[in-house]
Amino acid sequence: MLEKQQPIVALDHPQKPKKTRPPRNNLMLSLKKNNLELNLYSSLDPDILNKILSKVLL
């Protein structure tokens, strides 16, 4: 039995929009002083970071 042969054509797949990720929360600074361990991450507000460091490092 002879069949008509047709070329195989790839279908266009709809493109999914890329998800926008929030920026990563990277570890910026890890301090250990006496019994205190402090890990500071990039998402922390710079003003708060400065206040914390001024209190801890004195």
C-alpha atoms as a PDB file:
ATOM      1  CA  MET A   1       0.000   0.000   0.000  1.00  0.00           C
ATOM      2  CA  LEU A   2       1.471   3.299  -1.035  1.00  0.00           C
ATOM      3  CA  GLU A   3       0.991   6.293   1.194  1.00  0.00           C
ATOM      4  CA  LYS A   4       1.550   9.904   0.372  1.00  0.00           C
ATOM      5  CA  GLN A   5       4.712  11.040   2.041  1.00  0.00           C
ATOM      6  CA  GLN A   6       4.712  14.500   3.500  1.00  0.00           C
ATOM      7  CA  PRO A   7       7.650  16.247   5.161  1.00  0.00           C
ATOM      8  CA  ILE A   8       7.671  16.458   8.931  1.00  0.00           C
ATOM      9  CA  VAL A   9       7.432  20.079   9.965  1.00  0.00           C
ATOM     10  CA  ALA A  10       8.264  21.305  13.454  1.00  0.00           C
ATOM     11  CA  LEU A  11       5.457  23.165  15.145  1.00  0.00           C
ATOM     12  CA  ASP A  12       6.087  26.567  16.608  1.00  0.00           C
ATOM     13  CA  HIS A  13       5.932  26.370  20.370  1.00  0.00           C
ATOM     14  CA  PRO A  14       4.717  29.487  22.134  1.00  0.00           C
ATOM     15  CA  GLN A  15       7.533  31.147  23.991  1.00  0.00           C
ATOM     16  CA  LYS A  16       6.957  31.399  27.711  1.00  0.00           C
ATOM     17  CA  PRO A  17       8.042  34.719  29.143  1.00  0.00           C
ATOM     18  CA  LYS A  18      11.074  34.376  31.357  1.00  0.00           C
ATOM     19  CA  LYS A  19      10.331  34.721  35.011  1.00  0.00           C
ATOM     20  CA  THR A  20      11.937  37.714  36.574  1.00  0.00           C
ATOM     21  CA  ARG A  21      13.693  36.644  39.711  1.00  0.00           C
ATOM     22  CA  PRO A  22      14.307  38.895  42.622  1.00  0.00           C
ATOM     23  CA  PRO A  23      17.985  39.586  43.161  1.00  0.00           C
ATOM     24  CA  ARG A  24      19.778  36.988  45.175  1.00  0.00           C
ATOM     25  CA  ASN A  25      20.353  37.571  48.823  1.00  0.00           C
ATOM     26  CA  ASN A  26      24.121  37.126  48.905  1.00  0.00           C
ATOM     27  CA  LEU A  27      26.141  36.938  52.070  1.00  0.00           C
ATOM     28  CA  MET A  28      28.189  40.139  52.253  1.00  0.00           C
ATOM     29  CA  LEU A  29      29.865  39.869  55.612  1.00  0.00           C
ATOM     30  CA  SER A  30      30.195  37.307  58.355  1.00  0.00           C
ATOM     31  CA  LEU A  31      31.567  38.465  61.707  1.00  0.00           C
ATOM     32  CA  LYS A  32      32.424  36.625  64.884  1.00  0.00           C
ATOM     33  CA  LYS A  33      33.209  38.559  68.010  1.00  0.00           C
ATOM     34  CA  ASN A  34      33.284  36.847  71.397  1.00  0.00           C
ATOM     35  CA  ASN A  35      30.047  34.837  71.534  1.00  0.00           C
ATOM     36  CA  LEU A  36      28.291  36.856  68.863  1.00  0.00           C
ATOM     37  CA  GLU A  37      28.066  35.636  65.299  1.00  0.00           C
ATOM     38  CA  LEU A  38      26.666  38.079  62.745  1.00  0.00           C
ATOM     39  CA  ASN A  39      25.862  37.339  59.094  1.00  0.00           C
ATOM     40  CA  LEU A  40      24.939  40.308  56.914  1.00  0.00           C
ATOM     41  CA  TYR A  41      23.268  39.857  53.549  1.00  0.00           C
ATOM     42  CA  SER A  42      23.029  42.075  50.479  1.00  0.00           C
ATOM     43  CA  SER A  43      19.298  42.696  50.900  1.00  0.00           C
ATOM     44  CA  LEU A  44      19.923  44.615  54.116  1.00  0.00           C
ATOM     45  CA  ASP A  45      19.410  48.371  53.906  1.00  0.00           C
ATOM     46  CA  PRO A  46      22.844  50.121  53.890  1.00  0.00           C
ATOM     47  CA  ASP A  47      21.814  52.524  56.681  1.00  0.00           C
ATOM     48  CA  ILE A  48      20.828  49.657  58.935  1.00  0.00           C
ATOM     49  CA  LEU A  49      24.021  47.825  58.023  1.00  0.00           C
ATOM     50  CA  ASN A  50      26.100  50.818  59.105  1.00  0.00           C
ATOM     51  CA  LYS A  51      24.212  51.140  62.394  1.00  0.00           C
ATOM     52  CA  ILE A  52      24.694  47.462  63.197  1.00  0.00           C
ATOM     53  CA  LEU A  53      28.376  47.539  62.365  1.00  0.00           C
ATOM     54  CA  SER A  54      29.009  50.662  64.405  1.00  0.00           C
ATOM     55  CA  LYS A  55      27.400  49.026  67.454  1.00  0.00           C
ATOM     56  CA  VAL A  56      29.112  45.660  67.050  1.00  0.00           C
ATOM     57  CA  LEU A  57      32.604  46.843  66.184  1.00  0.00           C
ATOM     58  CA  LEU A  58      32.946  49.279  69.105  1.00  0.00           C
END
